[in-house]
C-alpha atoms as a PDB file:
ATOM      1  CA  MET A   1     -50.122 -97.580 -33.925  1.00  0.00           C
ATOM      2  CA  GLN A   2     -50.359-100.959 -35.149  1.00  0.00           C
ATOM      3  CA  PHE A   3     -53.562-101.599 -37.684  1.00  0.00           C
ATOM      4  CA  GLU A   4     -55.304-104.483 -36.290  1.00  0.00           C
ATOM      5  CA  TYR A   5     -58.325-104.714 -39.456  1.00  0.00           C
ATOM      6  CA  PRO A   6     -61.103-106.303 -37.477  1.00  0.00           C
ATOM      7  CA  LEU A   7     -61.087-103.265 -35.123  1.00  0.00           C
ATOM      8  CA  LEU A   8     -60.683-101.147 -37.747  1.00  0.00           C
ATOM      9  CA  GLU A   9     -63.364-102.908 -39.860  1.00  0.00           C
ATOM     10  CA  ALA A  10     -65.664-102.129 -36.659  1.00  0.00           C
ATOM     11  CA  LEU A  11     -65.119 -98.476 -37.087  1.00  0.00           C
ATOM     12  CA  ALA A  12     -65.669 -98.103 -40.657  1.00  0.00           C
ATOM     13  CA  ALA A  13     -68.912-100.041 -39.915  1.00  0.00           C
ATOM     14  CA  VAL A  14     -69.891 -97.437 -37.565  1.00  0.00           C
ATOM     15  CA  VAL A  15     -68.890 -94.857 -39.681  1.00  0.00           C
ATOM     16  CA  ARG A  16     -70.737 -96.001 -42.919  1.00  0.00           C
ATOM     17  CA  GLU A  17     -74.238 -97.500 -41.170  1.00  0.00           C
ATOM     18  CA  GLY A  18     -74.295 -94.805 -38.478  1.00  0.00           C
ATOM     19  CA  THR A  19     -75.554 -96.935 -35.536  1.00  0.00           C
ATOM     20  CA  PHE A  20     -73.705 -99.911 -33.727  1.00  0.00           C
ATOM     21  CA  GLU A  21     -76.590-101.824 -34.164  1.00  0.00           C
ATOM     22  CA  ALA A  22     -76.189-101.499 -38.040  1.00  0.00           C
ATOM     23  CA  ALA A  23     -73.086-101.974 -37.989  1.00  0.00           C
ATOM     24  CA  ALA A  24     -73.670-105.141 -35.909  1.00  0.00           C
ATOM     25  CA  ARG A  25     -75.873-106.434 -38.580  1.00  0.00           C
ATOM     26  CA  SER A  26     -73.203-105.381 -41.684  1.00  0.00           C
ATOM     27  CA  LEU A  27     -70.546-107.359 -39.971  1.00  0.00           C
ATOM     28  CA  ASN A  28     -72.828-110.534 -38.904  1.00  0.00           C
ATOM     29  CA  ILE A  29     -71.331-110.093 -35.317  1.00  0.00           C
ATOM     30  CA  THR A  30     -72.966-108.934 -32.258  1.00  0.00           C
ATOM     31  CA  GLN A  31     -73.589-104.780 -30.874  1.00  0.00           C
ATOM     32  CA  SER A  32     -71.330-105.702 -27.855  1.00  0.00           C
ATOM     33  CA  ALA A  33     -68.886-107.125 -30.033  1.00  0.00           C
ATOM     34  CA  VAL A  34     -69.009-104.182 -32.533  1.00  0.00           C
ATOM     35  CA  SER A  35     -68.619-101.813 -29.271  1.00  0.00           C
ATOM     36  CA  GLN A  36     -65.752-104.131 -27.783  1.00  0.00           C
ATOM     37  CA  ARG A  37     -63.816-103.324 -31.052  1.00  0.00           C
ATOM     38  CA  LEU A  38     -64.314 -99.846 -30.852  1.00  0.00           C
ATOM     39  CA  LYS A  39     -63.238 -99.607 -27.265  1.00  0.00           C
ATOM     40  CA  LEU A  40     -60.185-101.708 -27.894  1.00  0.00           C
ATOM     41  CA  LEU A  41     -59.450 -99.619 -30.930  1.00  0.00           C
ATOM     42  CA  GLU A  42     -59.834 -96.049 -28.795  1.00  0.00           C
ATOM     43  CA  GLU A  43     -57.558 -97.335 -26.219  1.00  0.00           C
ATOM     44  CA  LYS A  44     -54.712 -98.282 -29.067  1.00  0.00           C
ATOM     45  CA  ALA A  45     -55.406 -95.149 -30.709  1.00  0.00           C
ATOM     46  CA  GLY A  46     -55.344 -93.045 -27.361  1.00  0.00           C
ATOM     47  CA  ALA A  47     -58.345 -91.056 -28.911  1.00  0.00           C
ATOM     48  CA  VAL A  48     -61.618 -90.800 -29.124  1.00  0.00           C
ATOM     49  CA  LEU A  49     -62.985 -92.018 -32.764  1.00  0.00           C
ATOM     50  CA  ILE A  50     -66.510 -91.942 -32.683  1.00  0.00           C
ATOM     51  CA  VAL A  51     -69.321 -89.288 -31.286  1.00  0.00           C
ATOM     52  CA  ARG A  52     -71.796 -91.940 -30.220  1.00  0.00           C
ATOM     53  CA  GLY A  53     -75.167 -90.247 -31.240  1.00  0.00           C
ATOM     54  CA  ARG A  54     -78.043 -91.138 -33.835  1.00  0.00           C
ATOM     55  CA  PRO A  55     -76.055 -91.267 -36.336  1.00  0.00           C
ATOM     56  CA  CYS A  56     -72.869 -91.976 -35.171  1.00  0.00           C
ATOM     57  CA  VAL A  57     -70.198 -89.604 -36.173  1.00  0.00           C
ATOM     58  CA  ALA A  58     -66.806 -90.013 -36.606  1.00  0.00           C
ATOM     59  CA  THR A  59     -64.159 -87.416 -35.187  1.00  0.00           C
ATOM     60  CA  GLU A  60     -61.110 -86.059 -37.575  1.00  0.00           C
ATOM     61  CA  PHE A  61     -59.092 -88.997 -36.394  1.00  0.00           C
ATOM     62  CA  GLY A  62     -61.455 -91.344 -36.622  1.00  0.00           C
ATOM     63  CA  GLN A  63     -62.543 -90.356 -40.389  1.00  0.00           C
ATOM     64  CA  GLN A  64     -58.597 -90.789 -41.377  1.00  0.00           C
ATOM     65  CA  LEU A  65     -58.752 -94.395 -40.017  1.00  0.00           C
ATOM     66  CA  TYR A  66     -61.997 -94.763 -41.767  1.00  0.00           C
ATOM     67  CA  ARG A  67     -60.494 -93.612 -45.197  1.00  0.00           C
ATOM     68  CA  HIS A  68     -57.572 -95.515 -44.807  1.00  0.00           C
ATOM     69  CA  VAL A  69     -59.900 -99.152 -44.473  1.00  0.00           C
ATOM     70  CA  GLU A  70     -61.695 -97.771 -47.682  1.00  0.00           C
ATOM     71  CA  GLN A  71     -58.951 -97.470 -49.379  1.00  0.00           C
ATOM     72  CA  VAL A  72     -57.381-101.031 -48.463  1.00  0.00           C
ATOM     73  CA  HIS A  73     -60.540-102.199 -50.043  1.00  0.00           C
ATOM     74  CA  LEU A  74     -60.262-100.879 -53.181  1.00  0.00           C
ATOM     75  CA  LEU A  75     -56.671-102.116 -53.308  1.00  0.00           C
ATOM     76  CA  GLU A  76     -57.868-105.583 -52.395  1.00  0.00           C
ATOM     77  CA  HIS A  77     -60.711-105.404 -54.845  1.00  0.00           C
ATOM     78  CA  ASP A  78     -57.723-104.676 -57.333  1.00  0.00           C
ATOM     79  CA  LEU A  79     -55.741-107.501 -56.521  1.00  0.00           C
ATOM     80  CA  ARG A  80     -58.711-110.149 -56.305  1.00  0.00           C
ATOM     81  CA  LYS A  81     -59.621-108.625 -59.788  1.00  0.00           C
ATOM     82  CA  SER A  82     -56.230-109.219 -61.305  1.00  0.00           C
ATOM     83  CA  LEU A  83     -55.724-112.795 -59.716  1.00  0.00           C
ATOM     84  CA  THR A  84     -59.040-114.036 -60.689  1.00  0.00           C
ATOM     85  CA  SER A  85     -59.659-112.307 -63.927  1.00  0.00           C
ATOM     86  CA  ILE A  86     -58.294-115.053 -66.291  1.00  0.00           C
ATOM     87  CA  GLU A  87     -60.416-117.524 -64.117  1.00  0.00           C
ATOM     88  CA  ASP A  88     -63.800-115.896 -63.847  1.00  0.00           C
ATOM     89  CA  PRO A  89     -63.791-112.165 -64.416  1.00  0.00           C
ATOM     90  CA  SER A  90     -67.309-111.612 -61.975  1.00  0.00           C
ATOM     91  CA  SER A  91     -65.994-113.730 -59.135  1.00  0.00           C
ATOM     92  CA  GLY A  92     -65.579-111.759 -55.868  1.00  0.00           C
ATOM     93  CA  ASN A  93     -67.728-109.723 -53.683  1.00  0.00           C
ATOM     94  CA  PRO A  94     -68.403-106.312 -55.186  1.00  0.00           C
ATOM     95  CA  ALA A  95     -66.518-103.351 -53.812  1.00  0.00           C
ATOM     96  CA  VAL A  96     -68.924-100.775 -51.967  1.00  0.00           C
ATOM     97  CA  ILE A  97     -67.366 -96.971 -52.946  1.00  0.00           C
ATOM     98  CA  ARG A  98     -68.441 -94.209 -50.992  1.00  0.00           C
ATOM     99  CA  ILE A  99     -68.785 -90.747 -52.953  1.00  0.00           C
ATOM    100  CA  ALA A 100     -70.614 -87.654 -52.537  1.00  0.00           C
ATOM    101  CA  VAL A 101     -72.962 -86.425 -55.356  1.00  0.00           C
ATOM    102  CA  ASN A 102     -75.316 -83.440 -55.586  1.00  0.00           C
ATOM    103  CA  SER A 103     -78.895 -84.067 -55.834  1.00  0.00           C
ATOM    104  CA  ASP A 104     -79.325 -82.633 -59.086  1.00  0.00           C
ATOM    105  CA  SER A 105     -76.514 -85.021 -60.682  1.00  0.00           C
ATOM    106  CA  LEU A 106     -78.637 -87.784 -58.582  1.00  0.00           C
ATOM    107  CA  ALA A 107     -81.696 -87.325 -60.424  1.00  0.00           C
ATOM    108  CA  THR A 108     -80.275 -86.556 -64.218  1.00  0.00           C
ATOM    109  CA  TRP A 109     -77.107 -88.231 -65.474  1.00  0.00           C
ATOM    110  CA  PHE A 110     -75.681 -90.336 -62.233  1.00  0.00           C
ATOM    111  CA  PRO A 111     -78.055 -93.107 -62.734  1.00  0.00           C
ATOM    112  CA  GLU A 112     -76.153 -94.082 -65.813  1.00  0.00           C
ATOM    113  CA  VAL A 113     -72.795 -93.862 -64.273  1.00  0.00           C
ATOM    114  CA  VAL A 114     -74.407 -96.040 -61.277  1.00  0.00           C
ATOM    115  CA  GLN A 115     -75.829 -98.671 -64.196  1.00  0.00           C
ATOM    116  CA  ARG A 116     -72.693 -98.955 -66.221  1.00  0.00           C
ATOM    117  CA  ALA A 117     -70.148 -99.099 -62.945  1.00  0.00           C
ATOM    118  CA  GLY A 118     -72.371-101.660 -61.128  1.00  0.00           C
ATOM    119  CA  SER A 119     -72.370-104.041 -64.066  1.00  0.00           C
ATOM    120  CA  GLU A 120     -69.315-103.323 -65.669  1.00  0.00           C
ATOM    121  CA  MET A 121     -66.818-103.085 -62.375  1.00  0.00           C
ATOM    122  CA  ASN A 122     -68.564-105.318 -59.894  1.00  0.00           C
ATOM    123  CA  ILE A 123     -69.047-102.647 -57.375  1.00  0.00           C
ATOM    124  CA  HIS A 124     -71.838-100.794 -55.401  1.00  0.00           C
ATOM    125  CA  PHE A 125     -72.167 -97.225 -54.565  1.00  0.00           C
ATOM    126  CA  ASP A 126     -73.081 -96.219 -51.074  1.00  0.00           C
ATOM    127  CA  ILE A 127     -74.033 -92.225 -51.988  1.00  0.00           C
ATOM    128  CA  ILE A 128     -73.705 -89.408 -49.585  1.00  0.00           C
ATOM    129  CA  PRO A 129     -76.193 -86.460 -51.512  1.00  0.00           C
ATOM    130  CA  ASP A 130     -75.673 -82.891 -50.821  1.00  0.00           C
ATOM    131  CA  ASP A 131     -75.360 -79.622 -52.439  1.00  0.00           C
ATOM    132  CA  GLN A 132     -72.789 -79.210 -54.932  1.00  0.00           C
ATOM    133  CA  GLU A 133     -70.801 -76.660 -53.246  1.00  0.00           C
ATOM    134  CA  HIS A 134     -70.685 -78.812 -50.026  1.00  0.00           C
ATOM    135  CA  THR A 135     -69.824 -82.183 -51.552  1.00  0.00           C
ATOM    136  CA  ALA A 136     -65.857 -81.304 -51.362  1.00  0.00           C
ATOM    137  CA  GLU A 137     -66.136 -81.401 -47.765  1.00  0.00           C
ATOM    138  CA  ARG A 138     -67.318 -84.795 -47.476  1.00  0.00           C
ATOM    139  CA  LEU A 139     -64.178 -85.888 -49.454  1.00  0.00           C
ATOM    140  CA  ARG A 140     -62.111 -83.473 -47.928  1.00  0.00           C
ATOM    141  CA  SER A 141     -63.086 -84.774 -44.116  1.00  0.00           C
ATOM    142  CA  GLY A 142     -62.787 -88.976 -45.244  1.00  0.00           C
ATOM    143  CA  GLU A 143     -66.207 -89.089 -45.551  1.00  0.00           C
ATOM    144  CA  ALA A 144     -65.965 -90.125 -49.205  1.00  0.00           C
ATOM    145  CA  LEU A 145     -63.419 -91.771 -51.480  1.00  0.00           C
ATOM    146  CA  ALA A 146     -64.683 -89.415 -54.271  1.00  0.00           C
ATOM    147  CA  ALA A 147     -67.216 -86.572 -55.057  1.00  0.00           C
ATOM    148  CA  VAL A 148     -68.864 -84.657 -57.438  1.00  0.00           C
ATOM    149  CA  THR A 149     -68.184 -80.787 -56.833  1.00  0.00           C
ATOM    150  CA  THR A 150     -68.293 -77.373 -57.665  1.00  0.00           C
ATOM    151  CA  GLU A 151     -64.846 -77.434 -56.049  1.00  0.00           C
ATOM    152  CA  ALA A 152     -62.003 -76.288 -59.012  1.00  0.00           C
ATOM    153  CA  ASN A 153     -59.150 -76.514 -56.984  1.00  0.00           C
ATOM    154  CA  PRO A 154     -57.393 -80.130 -56.647  1.00  0.00           C
ATOM    155  CA  LEU A 155     -57.742 -81.710 -52.610  1.00  0.00           C
ATOM    156  CA  GLN A 156     -54.829 -82.604 -51.155  1.00  0.00           C
ATOM    157  CA  GLY A 157     -54.013 -86.186 -52.054  1.00  0.00           C
ATOM    158  CA  CYS A 158     -57.180 -86.036 -55.064  1.00  0.00           C
ATOM    159  CA  ARG A 159     -57.083 -86.128 -58.682  1.00  0.00           C
ATOM    160  CA  ARG A 160     -59.591 -83.349 -60.475  1.00  0.00           C
ATOM    161  CA  VAL A 161     -61.182 -83.663 -63.412  1.00  0.00           C
ATOM    162  CA  PRO A 162     -63.578 -81.339 -65.093  1.00  0.00           C
ATOM    163  CA  LEU A 163     -66.827 -83.265 -65.642  1.00  0.00           C
ATOM    164  CA  GLY A 164     -68.712 -80.232 -67.523  1.00  0.00           C
ATOM    165  CA  ALA A 165     -72.062 -77.774 -66.571  1.00  0.00           C
ATOM    166  CA  MET A 166     -75.302 -77.779 -65.211  1.00  0.00           C
ATOM    167  CA  GLU A 167     -77.555 -75.123 -66.580  1.00  0.00           C
ATOM    168  CA  TYR A 168     -80.094 -74.063 -64.156  1.00  0.00           C
ATOM    169  CA  VAL A 169     -83.130 -71.879 -65.265  1.00  0.00           C
ATOM    170  CA  ALA A 170     -85.893 -70.439 -62.963  1.00  0.00           C
ATOM    171  CA  VAL A 171     -89.422 -70.972 -63.817  1.00  0.00           C
ATOM    172  CA  ALA A 172     -93.004 -71.144 -63.015  1.00  0.00           C
ATOM    173  CA  THR A 173     -96.197 -72.004 -64.248  1.00  0.00           C
ATOM    174  CA  PRO A 174     -98.275 -69.423 -67.227  1.00  0.00           C
ATOM    175  CA  ARG A 175    -100.573 -69.248 -64.509  1.00  0.00           C
ATOM    176  CA  PHE A 176     -98.486 -68.381 -61.206  1.00  0.00           C
ATOM    177  CA  VAL A 177     -96.440 -65.979 -63.670  1.00  0.00           C
ATOM    178  CA  ALA A 178     -99.890 -63.950 -64.825  1.00  0.00           C
ATOM    179  CA  ALA A 179    -101.213 -63.702 -61.081  1.00  0.00           C
ATOM    180  CA  ASN A 180     -97.619 -62.503 -59.846  1.00  0.00           C
ATOM    181  CA  PHE A 181     -95.731 -60.759 -62.666  1.00  0.00           C
ATOM    182  CA  PRO A 182     -98.660 -59.097 -64.765  1.00  0.00           C
ATOM    183  CA  ASP A 183     -96.706 -56.450 -65.445  1.00  0.00           C
ATOM    184  CA  GLY A 184     -93.522 -58.275 -66.081  1.00  0.00           C
ATOM    185  CA  VAL A 185     -90.529 -60.124 -63.613  1.00  0.00           C
ATOM    186  CA  SER A 186     -88.752 -57.708 -60.992  1.00  0.00           C
ATOM    187  CA  ARG A 187     -86.395 -58.355 -58.362  1.00  0.00           C
ATOM    188  CA  GLU A 188     -89.284 -56.300 -56.025  1.00  0.00           C
ATOM    189  CA  LEU A 189     -92.081 -58.802 -57.058  1.00  0.00           C
ATOM    190  CA  VAL A 190     -89.913 -61.972 -56.997  1.00  0.00           C
ATOM    191  CA  SER A 191     -88.989 -61.125 -53.399  1.00  0.00           C
ATOM    192  CA  LYS A 192     -92.770 -61.255 -52.539  1.00  0.00           C
ATOM    193  CA  THR A 193     -93.778 -64.452 -54.450  1.00  0.00           C
ATOM    194  CA  THR A 194     -93.253 -67.814 -53.384  1.00  0.00           C
ATOM    195  CA  HIS A 195     -90.231 -69.099 -53.793  1.00  0.00           C
ATOM    196  CA  LEU A 196     -89.230 -73.154 -53.809  1.00  0.00           C
ATOM    197  CA  VAL A 197     -85.715 -73.762 -51.972  1.00  0.00           C
ATOM    198  CA  PHE A 198     -84.284 -77.492 -52.404  1.00  0.00           C
ATOM    199  CA  GLY A 199     -82.154 -76.718 -49.064  1.00  0.00           C
ATOM    200  CA  ARG A 200     -80.493 -74.218 -46.992  1.00  0.00           C
ATOM    201  CA  LYS A 201     -77.573 -74.308 -48.161  1.00  0.00           C
ATOM    202  CA  ASP A 202     -78.783 -73.958 -51.630  1.00  0.00           C
ATOM    203  CA  LEU A 203     -76.801 -70.708 -53.142  1.00  0.00           C
ATOM    204  CA  LEU A 204     -78.493 -70.981 -56.953  1.00  0.00           C
ATOM    205  CA  PRO A 205     -81.771 -68.825 -56.378  1.00  0.00           C
ATOM    206  CA  GLN A 206     -79.469 -65.710 -55.278  1.00  0.00           C
ATOM    207  CA  GLN A 207     -76.994 -66.448 -57.757  1.00  0.00           C
ATOM    208  CA  TRP A 208     -79.704 -66.025 -60.237  1.00  0.00           C
ATOM    209  CA  LEU A 209     -80.968 -62.919 -58.691  1.00  0.00           C
ATOM    210  CA  LEU A 210     -77.542 -61.303 -59.423  1.00  0.00           C
ATOM    211  CA  ASN A 211     -77.404 -62.690 -62.802  1.00  0.00           C
ATOM    212  CA  ALA A 212     -81.255 -61.158 -63.888  1.00  0.00           C
ATOM    213  CA  PHE A 213     -81.279 -57.919 -61.293  1.00  0.00           C
ATOM    214  CA  GLY A 214     -77.892 -57.038 -60.387  1.00  0.00           C
ATOM    215  CA  GLU A 215     -78.555 -57.820 -57.020  1.00  0.00           C
ATOM    216  CA  PRO A 216     -79.877 -60.568 -54.359  1.00  0.00           C
ATOM    217  CA  THR A 217     -82.860 -60.134 -52.233  1.00  0.00           C
ATOM    218  CA  PRO A 218     -84.309 -62.106 -49.183  1.00  0.00           C
ATOM    219  CA  LEU A 219     -86.833 -64.673 -50.278  1.00  0.00           C
ATOM    220  CA  VAL A 220     -89.644 -66.935 -48.493  1.00  0.00           C
ATOM    221  CA  GLY A 221     -91.186 -69.882 -49.666  1.00  0.00           C
ATOM    222  CA  HIS A 222     -91.421 -73.670 -48.935  1.00  0.00           C
ATOM    223  CA  LEU A 223     -88.222 -75.835 -48.635  1.00  0.00           C
ATOM    224  CA  LEU A 224     -88.770 -79.158 -50.667  1.00  0.00           C
ATOM    225  CA  PRO A 225     -85.567 -80.888 -50.378  1.00  0.00           C
ATOM    226  CA  SER A 226     -86.657 -83.613 -52.692  1.00  0.00           C
ATOM    227  CA  PHE A 227     -85.842 -83.433 -56.790  1.00  0.00           C
ATOM    228  CA  SER A 228     -89.052 -84.695 -57.857  1.00  0.00           C
ATOM    229  CA  GLY A 229     -91.602 -83.311 -55.101  1.00  0.00           C
ATOM    230  CA  TYR A 230     -89.799 -79.823 -56.129  1.00  0.00           C
ATOM    231  CA  LEU A 231     -90.113 -80.314 -59.765  1.00  0.00           C
ATOM    232  CA  ALA A 232     -93.919 -81.527 -58.847  1.00  0.00           C
ATOM    233  CA  CYS A 233     -94.339 -78.486 -56.928  1.00  0.00           C
ATOM    234  CA  CYS A 234     -92.867 -76.355 -60.251  1.00  0.00           C
ATOM    235  CA  LEU A 235     -95.530 -77.767 -62.538  1.00  0.00           C
ATOM    236  CA  ASN A 236     -98.196 -77.623 -59.778  1.00  0.00           C
ATOM    237  CA  GLY A 237     -98.229 -73.691 -59.529  1.00  0.00           C
ATOM    238  CA  ALA A 238     -97.129 -73.976 -55.777  1.00  0.00           C
ATOM    239  CA  GLY A 239     -94.486 -71.277 -56.281  1.00  0.00           C
ATOM    240  CA  TRP A 240     -91.283 -70.727 -58.815  1.00  0.00           C
ATOM    241  CA  GLY A 241     -87.880 -72.266 -58.533  1.00  0.00           C
ATOM    242  CA  MET A 242     -84.620 -73.174 -59.881  1.00  0.00           C
ATOM    243  CA  ASN A 243     -84.614 -76.315 -62.220  1.00  0.00           C
ATOM    244  CA  PRO A 244     -81.813 -77.967 -64.436  1.00  0.00           C
ATOM    245  CA  ARG A 245     -82.770 -77.016 -67.924  1.00  0.00           C
ATOM    246  CA  SER A 246     -82.317 -80.288 -68.973  1.00  0.00           C
ATOM    247  CA  SER A 247     -85.145 -81.287 -66.434  1.00  0.00           C
ATOM    248  CA  VAL A 248     -87.945 -78.610 -67.530  1.00  0.00           C
ATOM    249  CA  GLU A 249     -86.675 -78.536 -71.569  1.00  0.00           C
ATOM    250  CA  SER A 250     -89.758 -80.629 -72.533  1.00  0.00           C
ATOM    251  CA  HIS A 251     -92.301 -78.364 -70.302  1.00  0.00           C
ATOM    252  CA  LEU A 252     -90.307 -75.353 -71.780  1.00  0.00           C
ATOM    253  CA  ASP A 253     -91.108 -76.486 -75.217  1.00  0.00           C
ATOM    254  CA  ASP A 254     -94.576 -77.196 -74.486  1.00  0.00           C
ATOM    255  CA  GLY A 255     -95.319 -74.400 -72.227  1.00  0.00           C
ATOM    256  CA  THR A 256     -96.124 -76.076 -69.378  1.00  0.00           C
ATOM    257  CA  LEU A 257     -93.460 -73.838 -67.382  1.00  0.00           C
ATOM    258  CA  LEU A 258     -92.511 -70.461 -68.631  1.00  0.00           C
ATOM    259  CA  GLU A 259     -88.660 -69.021 -68.017  1.00  0.00           C
ATOM    260  CA  LEU A 260     -89.182 -66.076 -65.507  1.00  0.00           C
ATOM    261  CA  VAL A 261     -86.146 -64.418 -67.225  1.00  0.00           C
ATOM    262  CA  PRO A 262     -85.069 -65.565 -70.338  1.00  0.00           C
ATOM    263  CA  GLY A 263     -80.894 -65.347 -70.692  1.00  0.00           C
ATOM    264  CA  ALA A 264     -80.375 -65.145 -66.430  1.00  0.00           C
ATOM    265  CA  SER A 265     -79.611 -68.785 -66.298  1.00  0.00           C
ATOM    266  CA  VAL A 266     -77.025 -69.874 -63.617  1.00  0.00           C
ATOM    267  CA  ILE A 267     -73.917 -72.139 -65.406  1.00  0.00           C
ATOM    268  CA  VAL A 268     -72.561 -74.167 -62.535  1.00  0.00           C
ATOM    269  CA  PRO A 269     -69.223 -76.162 -63.372  1.00  0.00           C
ATOM    270  CA  LEU A 270     -68.712 -79.743 -61.784  1.00  0.00           C
ATOM    271  CA  TYR A 271     -65.600 -81.771 -61.410  1.00  0.00           C
ATOM    272  CA  TRP A 272     -65.151 -85.111 -60.198  1.00  0.00           C
ATOM    273  CA  GLN A 273     -62.551 -85.065 -57.654  1.00  0.00           C
ATOM    274  CA  SER A 274     -61.194 -88.495 -56.101  1.00  0.00           C
ATOM    275  CA  SER A 275     -58.603 -90.058 -54.022  1.00  0.00           C
ATOM    276  CA  GLY A 276     -56.848 -92.862 -54.161  1.00  0.00           C
ATOM    277  CA  PRO A 277     -54.940 -91.832 -57.197  1.00  0.00           C
ATOM    278  CA  GLY A 278     -53.115 -95.645 -57.146  1.00  0.00           C
ATOM    279  CA  SER A 279     -56.244 -97.835 -57.128  1.00  0.00           C
ATOM    280  CA  GLU A 280     -57.197 -99.053 -60.665  1.00  0.00           C
ATOM    281  CA  ILE A 281     -60.851 -99.370 -59.792  1.00  0.00           C
ATOM    282  CA  MET A 282     -61.060 -95.499 -58.834  1.00  0.00           C
ATOM    283  CA  LYS A 283     -59.222 -94.795 -62.388  1.00  0.00           C
ATOM    284  CA  VAL A 284     -61.661 -96.937 -64.218  1.00  0.00           C
ATOM    285  CA  LEU A 285     -64.402 -95.454 -62.523  1.00  0.00           C
ATOM    286  CA  SER A 286     -63.445 -92.055 -62.812  1.00  0.00           C
ATOM    287  CA  SER A 287     -63.233 -92.394 -66.789  1.00  0.00           C
ATOM    288  CA  ILE A 288     -66.927 -93.847 -66.757  1.00  0.00           C
ATOM    289  CA  VAL A 289     -68.240 -90.718 -64.625  1.00  0.00           C
ATOM    290  CA  VAL A 290     -66.282 -88.624 -67.111  1.00  0.00           C
ATOM    291  CA  GLU A 291     -67.617 -89.982 -70.406  1.00  0.00           C
ATOM    292  CA  VAL A 292     -71.223 -90.004 -69.035  1.00  0.00           C
ATOM    293  CA  ALA A 293     -70.869 -86.770 -67.808  1.00  0.00           C
ATOM    294  CA  ARG A 294     -69.806 -85.203 -71.075  1.00  0.00           C
ATOM    295  CA  LYS A 295     -72.437 -86.625 -72.992  1.00  0.00           C
ATOM    296  CA  HIS A 296     -75.014 -84.789 -70.585  1.00  0.00           C
ATOM    297  CA  LEU A 297     -73.715 -81.878 -69.584  1.00  0.00           C
ATOM    298  CA  THR A 298     -72.407 -78.810 -71.339  1.00  0.00           C
ATOM    299  CA  SER A 299     -68.878 -77.488 -71.832  1.00  0.00           C
ATOM    300  CA  ILE A 300     -67.569 -75.421 -68.837  1.00  0.00           C
ATOM    301  CA  PRO A 301     -67.841 -71.681 -69.807  1.00  0.00           C
ATOM    302  CA  GLU A 302     -64.063 -70.069 -69.607  1.00  0.00           C
ATOM    303  CA  HIS A 303     -65.097 -67.749 -66.541  1.00  0.00           C
ATOM    304  CA  GLY A 304     -67.156 -70.608 -64.713  1.00  0.00           C
ATOM    305  CA  SER A 305     -70.768 -69.511 -63.534  1.00  0.00           C
ATOM    306  CA  GLN A 306     -71.206 -66.189 -66.315  1.00  0.00           C
ATOM    307  CA  GLY A 307     -67.822 -64.864 -64.972  1.00  0.00           C
ATOM    308  CA  ARG A 308     -69.495 -64.282 -61.130  1.00  0.00           C
ATOM    309  CA  PRO A 309     -68.473 -66.200 -58.113  1.00  0.00           C
ATOM    310  CA  PRO A 310     -71.410 -67.606 -56.001  1.00  0.00           C
ATOM    311  CA  VAL A 311     -72.915 -65.164 -53.467  1.00  0.00           C
ATOM    312  CA  PRO A 312     -73.915 -65.494 -50.071  1.00  0.00           C
ATOM    313  CA  ALA A 313     -77.567 -65.859 -49.402  1.00  0.00           C
ATOM    314  CA  ALA A 314     -79.343 -62.823 -48.233  1.00  0.00           C
ATOM    315  CA  THR A 315     -80.791 -61.975 -44.903  1.00  0.00           C
END
């Protein structure tokens, strides 16, 4: 198959933007032109590359082509930078790097990466948020070029670097604790109280139950897929929830929140996995990510999350 980059750019724009209309705007061409280019590319490839819908989703072959286009962009950015650095280090359009990052990192330490990389490297981020247990799938499928993930084993064609660990604690307000656990926190009482869950794929509460009581249990409560909204509901007494210790340390210190079972925290090791190991821009970005992460995260325990593997959600 001969690579024709105007056609590949149309594919990449649809994958990145999610719709033909948005892809057309990003490329400054008509929607009809995007559709024609994609149709021609599919004819040349002899395969369906995009599943039409809202949003449009790339097939496995389409994801491979998308990843190729993104890596070419990085190499072009490296070349432009090397050719123009003597005259004007800031010249050229910013490179756009699509990465998958877990929501808790996005809300705590990763904004410093965005600020530093944006100002020092002339790049823009296209960030895909997901649970830390699932961000690696975004990298494996080709949706992202790098990921902050709990996947400790290097993915094929990727470089893996340990970042550190996030500590999660189960917390609630003193009033909530007094009302629901008057005689102490137990597994049975926890299963009957209102729990705040961040996402349907979130395994942290069950891991905490395993650490605290030796076994998981079904939970009921509110689904709140927003970091700020989740924390706000913990603070207003809507339920108990799992939060990074770094985000609630001040509330624990002043008594606004209480840890339900001290010592039963969940330690989640995080890793940076990136494709395109030959790209200079990815090497520099990786060094920034590692430097920032190790400033904010704790060291990874020798046996991972308190020596226990993640547990499946209770049913």
